[in-house]
């Protein structure tokens, strides 16, 4: 494993087997386990198919999109749309 710190840009890069960390991006091959939680800004999408997503478009709301269109929507009241 190697770690490089670039003092000019304060970038940290590390590579070890299937894990790569570079700038603000983490790439992991294989299964990842998170024991506490994962914060998501807006969406989870499949690489190579970014018009199919699980989204969090508003507070207490979740939606699922396929082919770029919303197919399932659950709002803060638990209503399906």
N, C-alpha and C. Protein backbone atom coordinates (compact mmCIF):
# COMPACT_ATOMS: atom_id res chain seq x y z
N UNK A 1 0.85 -1.18 0.00
CA UNK A 1 0.00 0.00 0.00
C UNK A 1 0.89 1.23 0.00
N UNK A 2 0.52 2.22 -0.76
CA UNK A 2 1.28 3.45 -0.80
C UNK A 2 0.40 4.64 -0.50
N UNK A 3 0.91 5.60 0.23
CA UNK A 3 0.20 6.85 0.52
C UNK A 3 1.08 7.99 0.07
N UNK A 4 0.49 8.90 -0.67
CA UNK A 4 1.21 10.07 -1.17
C UNK A 4 0.47 11.31 -0.71
N UNK A 5 1.18 12.24 -0.14
CA UNK A 5 0.59 13.52 0.26
C UNK A 5 1.26 14.61 -0.56
N UNK A 6 0.44 15.36 -1.30
CA UNK A 6 0.93 16.43 -2.14
C UNK A 6 0.70 17.74 -1.38
N UNK A 7 1.76 18.33 -0.85
CA UNK A 7 1.64 19.54 -0.04
C UNK A 7 1.10 20.74 -0.78
N UNK A 8 1.24 20.76 -2.10
CA UNK A 8 0.75 21.91 -2.85
C UNK A 8 -0.77 21.93 -2.92
N UNK A 9 -1.40 20.75 -3.06
CA UNK A 9 -2.85 20.69 -3.21
C UNK A 9 -3.53 20.01 -2.04
N UNK A 10 -2.76 19.53 -1.06
CA UNK A 10 -3.29 18.79 0.09
C UNK A 10 -4.13 17.61 -0.35
N UNK A 11 -3.72 16.92 -1.42
CA UNK A 11 -4.39 15.71 -1.88
C UNK A 11 -3.76 14.51 -1.22
N UNK A 12 -4.57 13.52 -0.89
CA UNK A 12 -4.08 12.26 -0.36
C UNK A 12 -4.51 11.16 -1.32
N UNK A 13 -3.57 10.33 -1.74
CA UNK A 13 -3.87 9.21 -2.62
C UNK A 13 -3.37 7.94 -1.95
N UNK A 14 -4.20 6.89 -1.96
CA UNK A 14 -3.80 5.59 -1.40
C UNK A 14 -4.39 4.50 -2.26
N UNK A 15 -3.62 3.45 -2.48
CA UNK A 15 -4.10 2.31 -3.26
C UNK A 15 -3.69 1.03 -2.55
N UNK A 16 -4.64 0.10 -2.41
CA UNK A 16 -4.34 -1.19 -1.78
C UNK A 16 -5.32 -2.21 -2.33
N UNK A 17 -4.86 -3.10 -3.21
CA UNK A 17 -5.74 -4.12 -3.77
C UNK A 17 -6.92 -3.51 -4.50
N UNK A 18 -8.14 -3.77 -4.02
CA UNK A 18 -9.35 -3.28 -4.68
C UNK A 18 -9.79 -1.91 -4.24
N UNK A 19 -9.07 -1.27 -3.31
CA UNK A 19 -9.46 0.04 -2.79
C UNK A 19 -8.56 1.12 -3.35
N UNK A 20 -9.17 2.18 -3.88
CA UNK A 20 -8.42 3.35 -4.34
C UNK A 20 -9.05 4.60 -3.76
N UNK A 21 -8.26 5.43 -3.12
CA UNK A 21 -8.71 6.72 -2.61
C UNK A 21 -7.87 7.78 -3.29
N UNK A 22 -8.51 8.71 -3.97
CA UNK A 22 -7.78 9.76 -4.67
C UNK A 22 -8.61 11.03 -4.64
N UNK A 23 -7.99 12.11 -4.22
CA UNK A 23 -8.69 13.39 -4.05
C UNK A 23 -9.92 13.16 -3.18
N UNK A 24 -11.11 13.41 -3.69
CA UNK A 24 -12.34 13.22 -2.91
C UNK A 24 -13.15 12.03 -3.39
N UNK A 25 -12.52 11.08 -4.09
CA UNK A 25 -13.23 9.94 -4.65
C UNK A 25 -12.67 8.65 -4.08
N UNK A 26 -13.56 7.75 -3.66
CA UNK A 26 -13.18 6.44 -3.17
C UNK A 26 -13.74 5.40 -4.12
N UNK A 27 -12.90 4.51 -4.63
CA UNK A 27 -13.32 3.42 -5.50
C UNK A 27 -13.02 2.11 -4.80
N UNK A 28 -14.02 1.26 -4.66
CA UNK A 28 -13.88 -0.02 -3.98
C UNK A 28 -14.46 -1.11 -4.84
N UNK A 29 -13.69 -2.15 -5.13
CA UNK A 29 -14.24 -3.31 -5.81
C UNK A 29 -14.55 -4.35 -4.75
N UNK A 30 -15.64 -5.06 -4.92
CA UNK A 30 -16.04 -6.05 -3.92
C UNK A 30 -17.15 -5.50 -3.04
N UNK A 31 -17.39 -6.16 -1.93
CA UNK A 31 -18.47 -5.79 -1.01
C UNK A 31 -17.93 -4.83 0.04
N UNK A 32 -18.68 -3.78 0.31
CA UNK A 32 -18.32 -2.82 1.36
C UNK A 32 -19.33 -2.93 2.49
N UNK A 33 -18.85 -2.86 3.71
CA UNK A 33 -19.71 -2.93 4.89
C UNK A 33 -19.54 -1.64 5.69
N UNK A 34 -20.65 -1.02 6.04
CA UNK A 34 -20.65 0.20 6.84
C UNK A 34 -21.41 -0.10 8.12
N UNK A 35 -20.75 0.03 9.26
CA UNK A 35 -21.35 -0.37 10.52
C UNK A 35 -22.23 0.68 11.17
N UNK A 36 -22.15 1.92 10.74
CA UNK A 36 -22.96 2.96 11.36
C UNK A 36 -24.00 3.51 10.38
N UNK A 37 -23.60 4.12 9.31
CA UNK A 37 -24.52 4.70 8.34
C UNK A 37 -23.75 5.30 7.19
N UNK A 38 -24.48 5.64 6.14
CA UNK A 38 -23.89 6.25 4.96
C UNK A 38 -24.75 7.45 4.61
N UNK A 39 -24.15 8.60 4.47
CA UNK A 39 -24.88 9.80 4.07
C UNK A 39 -24.89 9.93 2.56
N UNK A 40 -26.08 10.12 1.99
CA UNK A 40 -26.26 10.25 0.55
C UNK A 40 -26.86 11.62 0.26
N UNK A 41 -26.24 12.37 -0.63
CA UNK A 41 -26.74 13.70 -0.97
C UNK A 41 -28.11 13.66 -1.63
N UNK A 42 -28.25 12.92 -2.73
CA UNK A 42 -29.52 12.89 -3.45
C UNK A 42 -29.84 11.52 -4.00
N UNK A 43 -28.87 10.76 -4.52
CA UNK A 43 -29.25 9.54 -5.22
C UNK A 43 -28.21 8.45 -5.13
N UNK A 44 -28.68 7.24 -5.35
CA UNK A 44 -27.84 6.06 -5.52
C UNK A 44 -28.11 5.58 -6.93
N UNK A 45 -27.06 5.37 -7.72
CA UNK A 45 -27.26 4.93 -9.09
C UNK A 45 -26.24 3.87 -9.45
N UNK A 46 -26.56 3.11 -10.47
CA UNK A 46 -25.70 2.04 -10.96
C UNK A 46 -24.73 2.63 -11.97
N UNK A 47 -23.43 2.35 -11.80
CA UNK A 47 -22.44 2.84 -12.75
C UNK A 47 -22.75 2.33 -14.15
N UNK A 48 -22.75 3.21 -15.10
CA UNK A 48 -23.06 2.84 -16.47
C UNK A 48 -24.54 2.92 -16.80
N UNK A 49 -25.38 3.20 -15.80
CA UNK A 49 -26.83 3.30 -16.01
C UNK A 49 -27.36 4.39 -15.09
N UNK A 50 -26.88 5.61 -15.26
CA UNK A 50 -27.20 6.67 -14.31
C UNK A 50 -28.59 7.27 -14.45
N UNK A 51 -29.44 6.73 -15.35
CA UNK A 51 -30.83 7.19 -15.39
C UNK A 51 -31.76 6.23 -14.63
N UNK A 52 -31.19 5.26 -13.90
CA UNK A 52 -31.93 4.40 -12.99
C UNK A 52 -31.37 4.67 -11.60
N UNK A 53 -32.23 5.19 -10.70
CA UNK A 53 -31.75 5.67 -9.41
C UNK A 53 -32.72 5.40 -8.28
N UNK A 54 -32.19 5.33 -7.08
CA UNK A 54 -32.96 5.46 -5.85
C UNK A 54 -32.64 6.87 -5.37
N UNK A 55 -33.69 7.70 -5.21
CA UNK A 55 -33.45 9.11 -4.90
C UNK A 55 -34.09 9.51 -3.58
N UNK A 56 -33.59 10.60 -3.04
CA UNK A 56 -34.10 11.22 -1.84
C UNK A 56 -34.38 12.69 -2.18
N UNK A 57 -35.48 12.95 -2.95
CA UNK A 57 -35.70 14.27 -3.53
C UNK A 57 -36.13 15.36 -2.54
N UNK A 58 -36.63 14.98 -1.36
CA UNK A 58 -37.06 15.96 -0.36
C UNK A 58 -37.00 15.29 1.01
N UNK A 59 -37.18 16.08 2.05
CA UNK A 59 -37.16 15.53 3.40
C UNK A 59 -38.24 14.46 3.55
N UNK A 60 -37.89 13.36 4.17
CA UNK A 60 -38.81 12.25 4.44
C UNK A 60 -39.48 11.71 3.18
N UNK A 61 -38.79 11.74 2.07
CA UNK A 61 -39.32 11.27 0.79
C UNK A 61 -38.28 10.42 0.09
N UNK A 62 -38.73 9.32 -0.53
CA UNK A 62 -37.85 8.47 -1.32
C UNK A 62 -38.54 8.16 -2.64
N UNK A 63 -37.76 8.04 -3.72
CA UNK A 63 -38.34 7.69 -5.01
C UNK A 63 -37.41 6.74 -5.74
N UNK A 64 -38.00 5.99 -6.67
CA UNK A 64 -37.22 5.10 -7.53
C UNK A 64 -37.50 5.51 -8.96
N UNK A 65 -36.42 5.65 -9.74
CA UNK A 65 -36.53 6.05 -11.14
C UNK A 65 -35.92 4.98 -12.02
N UNK A 66 -36.56 4.73 -13.16
CA UNK A 66 -35.99 3.88 -14.20
C UNK A 66 -36.14 4.63 -15.52
N UNK A 67 -35.16 4.47 -16.40
CA UNK A 67 -35.15 5.14 -17.70
C UNK A 67 -35.37 6.64 -17.57
N UNK A 68 -34.92 7.24 -16.45
CA UNK A 68 -35.01 8.68 -16.24
C UNK A 68 -36.36 9.17 -15.76
N UNK A 69 -37.32 8.27 -15.51
CA UNK A 69 -38.65 8.68 -15.04
C UNK A 69 -38.95 8.08 -13.67
N UNK A 70 -39.60 8.87 -12.83
CA UNK A 70 -39.97 8.39 -11.51
C UNK A 70 -41.04 7.32 -11.63
N UNK A 71 -40.81 6.15 -11.03
CA UNK A 71 -41.75 5.03 -11.10
C UNK A 71 -42.44 4.76 -9.77
N UNK A 72 -41.76 5.12 -8.67
CA UNK A 72 -42.31 4.90 -7.33
C UNK A 72 -41.93 6.09 -6.47
N UNK A 73 -42.89 6.59 -5.68
CA UNK A 73 -42.65 7.75 -4.84
C UNK A 73 -43.34 7.50 -3.50
N UNK A 74 -42.60 7.62 -2.41
CA UNK A 74 -43.18 7.49 -1.08
C UNK A 74 -42.91 8.81 -0.36
N UNK A 75 -43.99 9.51 0.03
CA UNK A 75 -43.81 10.81 0.66
C UNK A 75 -43.81 10.69 2.17
N UNK A 76 -43.70 11.84 2.85
CA UNK A 76 -43.55 11.86 4.31
C UNK A 76 -44.77 11.33 5.06
N UNK A 77 -45.92 11.25 4.40
CA UNK A 77 -47.12 10.65 5.00
C UNK A 77 -47.19 9.16 4.78
N UNK A 78 -46.25 8.60 4.03
CA UNK A 78 -46.26 7.18 3.71
C UNK A 78 -47.11 6.86 2.50
N UNK A 79 -47.57 7.90 1.80
CA UNK A 79 -48.40 7.71 0.62
C UNK A 79 -47.53 7.28 -0.56
N UNK A 80 -48.02 6.29 -1.32
CA UNK A 80 -47.35 5.85 -2.54
C UNK A 80 -47.85 6.63 -3.72
N UNK A 81 -46.94 7.00 -4.60
CA UNK A 81 -47.37 7.74 -5.78
C UNK A 81 -46.62 7.25 -6.99
